[in-house]
Every structure is written in C-alpha cells, then in structure tokens.
C-alpha cells in the first residue's frame, strides 16, 4: 500500500468519525466518535468511502479533525459553504467537459493558481479568519510535500462539495420552516 492510499483510508475513517460526532450523544460523543473512527477502518466503511469518493482533500480532513476536536462552531458554516458551492459547481462542470476550458489542468502547473491564492490568504488574514488561514497553510504544505500531483486535489474534493451543499440546503430549510406562518 502506498502513502496516498493509506492517507485516503485513514482520512475517510476520520471523516466518518467526524460525521458520527454530529449525532447528539451528549457526554458520550467523543467516545462514540473515536469508536466510529476505529470501526470505519475495521469493518470496511473507510475503504468503501475511499473507493466511492476517492482520496479526500486536506481541507476536508482538517475540517473533520476540527469536528472531532469539538471545535464549535464548525468553520464550514453557511457563508463559506455557499461560497464553496458558487465556485465548485462551475469548476466541476468545466472539469467534466462542459466548455472548452479545463480548470483542473491548472492544478498540475499551479503558478497561476498559487498567485490567485495570495489575495485569498490576505483576505483571510485581514478578516481574522485564522482557522481558514491555517487550513490553507496546511493545504499548501501538503501540496509542497509532493504527495499530491494536483493542487486542486489538496484544496477540494466532491465529498467536501457535497457537505457544503448539505450545509446550505439545511440552512434554507431552517429559514423556510421559520418563515412559515403558524
């Protein structure tokens, strides 16, 4: 087993544990999340997730670790999730062949992409979004390590986009229910 496959299995186990940590177990939450992380590796949930979703991004793994560490509230709230969706939906559409430009190819020689991340990093620093800035630094360090061939694979993945979609739809449903007359 190579390093990226081992990373994928362990990362999906952490992600499954983080998803389990969202269930309100009260004082047992940390123990249940740890047990779910272990079970994901032992009973085949993590390999199944890895086969279905592929290798997760470092961004998603960092968010999962924050969830397991009981970081409240999660940095993937409504506005960041909506921003991710506004970017990711056209990105994945273009990457899948809708249009003549393939933005995924930019990740193999990411000079322009890295230059575009400088203003993002400055904006995160300016707005004091330290958690997101640390996640960006972890992503860039992960790419610099040479383990990932494409910078996009470090920054985002389909499961992260799916979770962002769930966050946005959940907020819309909450607003819809709250606005209904009684």
C-alpha atoms as a PDB file:
ATOM      1  CA  UNK A   1       0.000   0.000   0.000  1.00  0.00           C
ATOM      2  CA  UNK A   2       1.409   3.357  -0.977  1.00  0.00           C
ATOM      3  CA  UNK A   3       1.266   6.512   1.130  1.00  0.00           C
ATOM      4  CA  UNK A   4      -1.661   8.148  -0.693  1.00  0.00           C
ATOM      5  CA  UNK A   5      -3.812   5.015  -0.305  1.00  0.00           C
ATOM      6  CA  UNK A   6      -3.004   4.809   3.416  1.00  0.00           C
ATOM      7  CA  UNK A   7      -3.779   8.516   3.757  1.00  0.00           C
ATOM      8  CA  UNK A   8      -7.103   8.012   1.972  1.00  0.00           C
ATOM      9  CA  UNK A   9      -8.153   5.167   4.269  1.00  0.00           C
ATOM     10  CA  UNK A  10      -7.166   6.973   7.465  1.00  0.00           C
ATOM     11  CA  UNK A  11      -8.710  10.234   6.260  1.00  0.00           C
ATOM     12  CA  UNK A  12     -12.033   8.569   5.443  1.00  0.00           C
ATOM     13  CA  UNK A  13     -12.035   6.934   8.878  1.00  0.00           C
ATOM     14  CA  UNK A  14     -11.573  10.391  10.431  1.00  0.00           C
ATOM     15  CA  UNK A  15     -14.334  11.802   8.224  1.00  0.00           C
ATOM     16  CA  UNK A  16     -16.712   9.012   9.253  1.00  0.00           C
ATOM     17  CA  UNK A  17     -15.863   9.640  12.908  1.00  0.00           C
ATOM     18  CA  UNK A  18     -16.497  13.370  12.426  1.00  0.00           C
ATOM     19  CA  UNK A  19     -19.873  12.654  10.833  1.00  0.00           C
ATOM     20  CA  UNK A  20     -20.731  10.423  13.782  1.00  0.00           C
ATOM     21  CA  UNK A  21     -19.726  13.231  16.146  1.00  0.00           C
ATOM     22  CA  UNK A  22     -22.568  15.319  14.698  1.00  0.00           C
ATOM     23  CA  UNK A  23     -25.124  12.987  16.305  1.00  0.00           C
ATOM     24  CA  UNK A  24     -26.049  14.322  19.764  1.00  0.00           C
ATOM     25  CA  UNK A  25     -24.709  11.642  22.103  1.00  0.00           C
ATOM     26  CA  UNK A  26     -24.139  14.046  24.991  1.00  0.00           C
ATOM     27  CA  UNK A  27     -21.175  13.160  27.162  1.00  0.00           C
ATOM     28  CA  UNK A  28     -20.503  10.012  25.141  1.00  0.00           C
ATOM     29  CA  UNK A  29     -19.957  11.989  21.942  1.00  0.00           C
ATOM     30  CA  UNK A  30     -16.147  11.831  21.978  1.00  0.00           C
ATOM     31  CA  UNK A  31     -16.082   8.115  22.761  1.00  0.00           C
ATOM     32  CA  UNK A  32     -18.662   7.284  20.103  1.00  0.00           C
ATOM     33  CA  UNK A  33     -16.737   9.340  17.525  1.00  0.00           C
ATOM     34  CA  UNK A  34     -13.493   7.546  18.403  1.00  0.00           C
ATOM     35  CA  UNK A  35     -15.219   4.163  18.219  1.00  0.00           C
ATOM     36  CA  UNK A  36     -16.782   5.090  14.856  1.00  0.00           C
ATOM     37  CA  UNK A  37     -13.377   6.111  13.513  1.00  0.00           C
ATOM     38  CA  UNK A  38     -11.923   2.758  14.536  1.00  0.00           C
ATOM     39  CA  UNK A  39     -14.908   0.791  13.259  1.00  0.00           C
ATOM     40  CA  UNK A  40     -14.722   2.581   9.906  1.00  0.00           C
ATOM     41  CA  UNK A  41     -11.300   1.023   9.409  1.00  0.00           C
ATOM     42  CA  UNK A  42     -12.152  -2.418  10.820  1.00  0.00           C
ATOM     43  CA  UNK A  43     -15.486  -3.157   9.145  1.00  0.00           C
ATOM     44  CA  UNK A  44     -14.764  -1.646   5.750  1.00  0.00           C
ATOM     45  CA  UNK A  45     -16.571   1.700   5.857  1.00  0.00           C
ATOM     46  CA  UNK A  46     -13.388   3.709   5.224  1.00  0.00           C
ATOM     47  CA  UNK A  47     -12.291   1.556   2.255  1.00  0.00           C
ATOM     48  CA  UNK A  48     -15.814   1.810   0.833  1.00  0.00           C
ATOM     49  CA  UNK A  49     -15.797   5.581   1.194  1.00  0.00           C
ATOM     50  CA  UNK A  50     -12.334   5.709  -0.353  1.00  0.00           C
ATOM     51  CA  UNK A  51     -13.498   3.608  -3.305  1.00  0.00           C
ATOM     52  CA  UNK A  52     -16.618   5.720  -3.835  1.00  0.00           C
ATOM     53  CA  UNK A  53     -15.342   9.251  -3.163  1.00  0.00           C
ATOM     54  CA  UNK A  54     -11.619   8.919  -3.884  1.00  0.00           C
ATOM     55  CA  UNK A  55      -8.824  10.496  -1.902  1.00  0.00           C
ATOM     56  CA  UNK A  56     -10.154  13.314   0.292  1.00  0.00           C
ATOM     57  CA  UNK A  57      -8.679  16.788   0.238  1.00  0.00           C
ATOM     58  CA  UNK A  58      -6.610  18.064   3.119  1.00  0.00           C
ATOM     59  CA  UNK A  59      -9.262  20.758   3.586  1.00  0.00           C
ATOM     60  CA  UNK A  60     -11.905  18.124   4.316  1.00  0.00           C
ATOM     61  CA  UNK A  61      -9.586  16.213   6.635  1.00  0.00           C
ATOM     62  CA  UNK A  62      -8.770  19.409   8.556  1.00  0.00           C
ATOM     63  CA  UNK A  63     -12.496  20.125   8.947  1.00  0.00           C
ATOM     64  CA  UNK A  64     -13.038  16.550  10.149  1.00  0.00           C
ATOM     65  CA  UNK A  65     -10.263  16.867  12.716  1.00  0.00           C
ATOM     66  CA  UNK A  66     -11.774  20.137  13.955  1.00  0.00           C
ATOM     67  CA  UNK A  67     -15.150  18.409  14.287  1.00  0.00           C
ATOM     68  CA  UNK A  68     -13.598  15.519  16.214  1.00  0.00           C
ATOM     69  CA  UNK A  69     -11.796  18.003  18.463  1.00  0.00           C
ATOM     70  CA  UNK A  70     -15.195  19.556  19.256  1.00  0.00           C
ATOM     71  CA  UNK A  71     -14.362  22.842  17.558  1.00  0.00           C
ATOM     72  CA  UNK A  72     -17.627  24.727  17.718  1.00  0.00           C
ATOM     73  CA  UNK A  73     -18.933  26.173  15.563  1.00  0.00           C
ATOM     74  CA  UNK A  74     -17.552  24.439  12.516  1.00  0.00           C
ATOM     75  CA  UNK A  75     -15.767  26.792  10.131  1.00  0.00           C
ATOM     76  CA  UNK A  76     -17.891  25.327   7.310  1.00  0.00           C
ATOM     77  CA  UNK A  77     -20.933  27.432   8.109  1.00  0.00           C
ATOM     78  CA  UNK A  78     -23.483  28.793   5.646  1.00  0.00           C
ATOM     79  CA  UNK A  79     -21.494  31.600   4.002  1.00  0.00           C
ATOM     80  CA  UNK A  80     -18.240  29.639   3.439  1.00  0.00           C
ATOM     81  CA  UNK A  81     -20.280  26.660   2.234  1.00  0.00           C
ATOM     82  CA  UNK A  82     -22.244  28.846  -0.178  1.00  0.00           C
ATOM     83  CA  UNK A  83     -19.020  30.416  -1.454  1.00  0.00           C
ATOM     84  CA  UNK A  84     -17.543  26.966  -1.972  1.00  0.00           C
ATOM     85  CA  UNK A  85     -20.623  25.888  -3.940  1.00  0.00           C
ATOM     86  CA  UNK A  86     -20.595  29.029  -6.091  1.00  0.00           C
ATOM     87  CA  UNK A  87     -17.016  28.183  -7.040  1.00  0.00           C
ATOM     88  CA  UNK A  88     -17.181  24.372  -7.127  1.00  0.00           C
ATOM     89  CA  UNK A  89     -20.257  23.831  -9.287  1.00  0.00           C
ATOM     90  CA  UNK A  90     -18.874  25.698 -12.337  1.00  0.00           C
ATOM     91  CA  UNK A  91     -15.399  24.274 -11.608  1.00  0.00           C
ATOM     92  CA  UNK A  92     -16.585  20.668 -11.690  1.00  0.00           C
ATOM     93  CA  UNK A  93     -18.848  21.345 -14.670  1.00  0.00           C
ATOM     94  CA  UNK A  94     -15.921  22.754 -16.673  1.00  0.00           C
ATOM     95  CA  UNK A  95     -13.614  19.975 -15.476  1.00  0.00           C
ATOM     96  CA  UNK A  96     -16.104  17.363 -16.660  1.00  0.00           C
ATOM     97  CA  UNK A  97     -16.115  18.785 -20.163  1.00  0.00           C
ATOM     98  CA  UNK A  98     -18.841  21.428 -20.208  1.00  0.00           C
ATOM     99  CA  UNK A  99     -16.922  24.070 -22.104  1.00  0.00           C
ATOM    100  CA  UNK A 100     -13.554  24.212 -23.771  1.00  0.00           C
ATOM    101  CA  UNK A 101     -11.525  25.193 -20.686  1.00  0.00           C
ATOM    102  CA  UNK A 102     -10.385  22.602 -18.138  1.00  0.00           C
ATOM    103  CA  UNK A 103      -9.569  24.345 -14.840  1.00  0.00           C
ATOM    104  CA  UNK A 104      -8.407  21.073 -13.277  1.00  0.00           C
ATOM    105  CA  UNK A 105      -5.400  21.092 -15.614  1.00  0.00           C
ATOM    106  CA  UNK A 106      -4.208  24.314 -13.937  1.00  0.00           C
ATOM    107  CA  UNK A 107      -3.507  22.301 -10.781  1.00  0.00           C
ATOM    108  CA  UNK A 108      -0.658  20.378 -12.404  1.00  0.00           C
ATOM    109  CA  UNK A 109       1.384  23.528 -13.033  1.00  0.00           C
ATOM    110  CA  UNK A 110      -0.197  25.791 -10.448  1.00  0.00           C
ATOM    111  CA  UNK A 111       1.764  29.017 -10.781  1.00  0.00           C
ATOM    112  CA  UNK A 112      -1.385  30.993 -11.677  1.00  0.00           C
ATOM    113  CA  UNK A 113      -3.407  29.159  -9.048  1.00  0.00           C
ATOM    114  CA  UNK A 114      -0.837  29.874  -6.354  1.00  0.00           C
ATOM    115  CA  UNK A 115      -0.798  33.531  -7.385  1.00  0.00           C
ATOM    116  CA  UNK A 116      -4.601  33.580  -7.072  1.00  0.00           C
ATOM    117  CA  UNK A 117      -4.342  32.099  -3.576  1.00  0.00           C
ATOM    118  CA  UNK A 118      -2.231  35.046  -2.348  1.00  0.00           C
ATOM    119  CA  UNK A 119      -5.163  37.502  -2.274  1.00  0.00           C
ATOM    120  CA  UNK A 120      -7.311  34.796  -0.698  1.00  0.00           C
ATOM    121  CA  UNK A 121      -4.741  34.308   2.051  1.00  0.00           C
ATOM    122  CA  UNK A 122      -4.504  38.068   2.568  1.00  0.00           C
ATOM    123  CA  UNK A 123      -8.305  38.352   2.777  1.00  0.00           C
ATOM    124  CA  UNK A 124      -8.437  35.528   5.342  1.00  0.00           C
ATOM    125  CA  UNK A 125      -5.727  37.251   7.373  1.00  0.00           C
ATOM    126  CA  UNK A 126      -7.421  40.667   7.073  1.00  0.00           C
ATOM    127  CA  UNK A 127     -10.798  39.306   8.217  1.00  0.00           C
ATOM    128  CA  UNK A 128      -9.129  37.370  11.051  1.00  0.00           C
ATOM    129  CA  UNK A 129     -10.387  34.009   9.775  1.00  0.00           C
ATOM    130  CA  UNK A 130      -7.450  32.252  11.376  1.00  0.00           C
ATOM    131  CA  UNK A 131      -8.894  28.736  11.189  1.00  0.00           C
ATOM    132  CA  UNK A 132      -9.378  29.011   7.420  1.00  0.00           C
ATOM    133  CA  UNK A 133      -5.915  30.536   7.069  1.00  0.00           C
ATOM    134  CA  UNK A 134      -4.357  27.608   8.937  1.00  0.00           C
ATOM    135  CA  UNK A 135      -6.305  25.173   6.729  1.00  0.00           C
ATOM    136  CA  UNK A 136      -4.964  26.965   3.650  1.00  0.00           C
ATOM    137  CA  UNK A 137      -1.408  26.758   5.037  1.00  0.00           C
ATOM    138  CA  UNK A 138      -1.867  23.023   5.706  1.00  0.00           C
ATOM    139  CA  UNK A 139      -3.165  22.575   2.161  1.00  0.00           C
ATOM    140  CA  UNK A 140      -0.199  24.391   0.646  1.00  0.00           C
ATOM    141  CA  UNK A 141       2.257  22.466   2.814  1.00  0.00           C
ATOM    142  CA  UNK A 142       0.591  19.220   1.747  1.00  0.00           C
ATOM    143  CA  UNK A 143       0.959  20.171  -1.895  1.00  0.00           C
ATOM    144  CA  UNK A 144       4.573  21.258  -1.367  1.00  0.00           C
ATOM    145  CA  UNK A 145       5.357  17.849   0.148  1.00  0.00           C
ATOM    146  CA  UNK A 146       4.926  16.336  -3.310  1.00  0.00           C
ATOM    147  CA  UNK A 147       2.399  13.707  -2.221  1.00  0.00           C
ATOM    148  CA  UNK A 148      -0.386  15.256  -4.304  1.00  0.00           C
ATOM    149  CA  UNK A 149       0.212  15.772  -8.014  1.00  0.00           C
ATOM    150  CA  UNK A 150      -2.534  18.363  -8.434  1.00  0.00           C
ATOM    151  CA  UNK A 151      -3.143  21.379  -6.202  1.00  0.00           C
ATOM    152  CA  UNK A 152      -6.919  21.082  -6.677  1.00  0.00           C
ATOM    153  CA  UNK A 153      -6.826  17.627  -5.049  1.00  0.00           C
ATOM    154  CA  UNK A 154      -5.451  19.234  -1.894  1.00  0.00           C
ATOM    155  CA  UNK A 155      -7.941  22.110  -1.825  1.00  0.00           C
ATOM    156  CA  UNK A 156     -11.297  20.475  -2.580  1.00  0.00           C
ATOM    157  CA  UNK A 157     -12.990  17.218  -3.425  1.00  0.00           C
ATOM    158  CA  UNK A 158     -16.521  16.024  -4.271  1.00  0.00           C
ATOM    159  CA  UNK A 159     -17.303  14.953  -0.692  1.00  0.00           C
ATOM    160  CA  UNK A 160     -16.403  18.424   0.590  1.00  0.00           C
ATOM    161  CA  UNK A 161     -18.711  19.952  -2.026  1.00  0.00           C
ATOM    162  CA  UNK A 162     -21.474  17.516  -1.015  1.00  0.00           C
ATOM    163  CA  UNK A 163     -21.070  18.520   2.640  1.00  0.00           C
ATOM    164  CA  UNK A 164     -21.173  22.200   1.649  1.00  0.00           C
ATOM    165  CA  UNK A 165     -24.387  21.503  -0.272  1.00  0.00           C
ATOM    166  CA  UNK A 166     -25.876  19.833   2.811  1.00  0.00           C
ATOM    167  CA  UNK A 167     -24.935  22.845   4.974  1.00  0.00           C
ATOM    168  CA  UNK A 168     -26.546  25.281   2.510  1.00  0.00           C
ATOM    169  CA  UNK A 169     -29.726  23.238   1.976  1.00  0.00           C
ATOM    170  CA  UNK A 170     -30.071  22.702   5.740  1.00  0.00           C
ATOM    171  CA  UNK A 171     -29.918  26.467   6.304  1.00  0.00           C
ATOM    172  CA  UNK A 172     -32.506  27.077   3.558  1.00  0.00           C
ATOM    173  CA  UNK A 173     -34.849  24.507   5.128  1.00  0.00           C
ATOM    174  CA  UNK A 174     -34.429  26.092   8.565  1.00  0.00           C
ATOM    175  CA  UNK A 175     -35.234  29.522   7.111  1.00  0.00           C
ATOM    176  CA  UNK A 176     -38.230  28.114   5.234  1.00  0.00           C
ATOM    177  CA  UNK A 177     -39.636  26.463   8.348  1.00  0.00           C
ATOM    178  CA  UNK A 178     -39.029  29.602  10.431  1.00  0.00           C
ATOM    179  CA  UNK A 179     -40.798  31.819   7.898  1.00  0.00           C
ATOM    180  CA  UNK A 180     -43.941  29.702   7.692  1.00  0.00           C
ATOM    181  CA  UNK A 181     -46.969  31.260   9.381  1.00  0.00           C
ATOM    182  CA  UNK A 182     -48.334  29.327  12.323  1.00  0.00           C
END
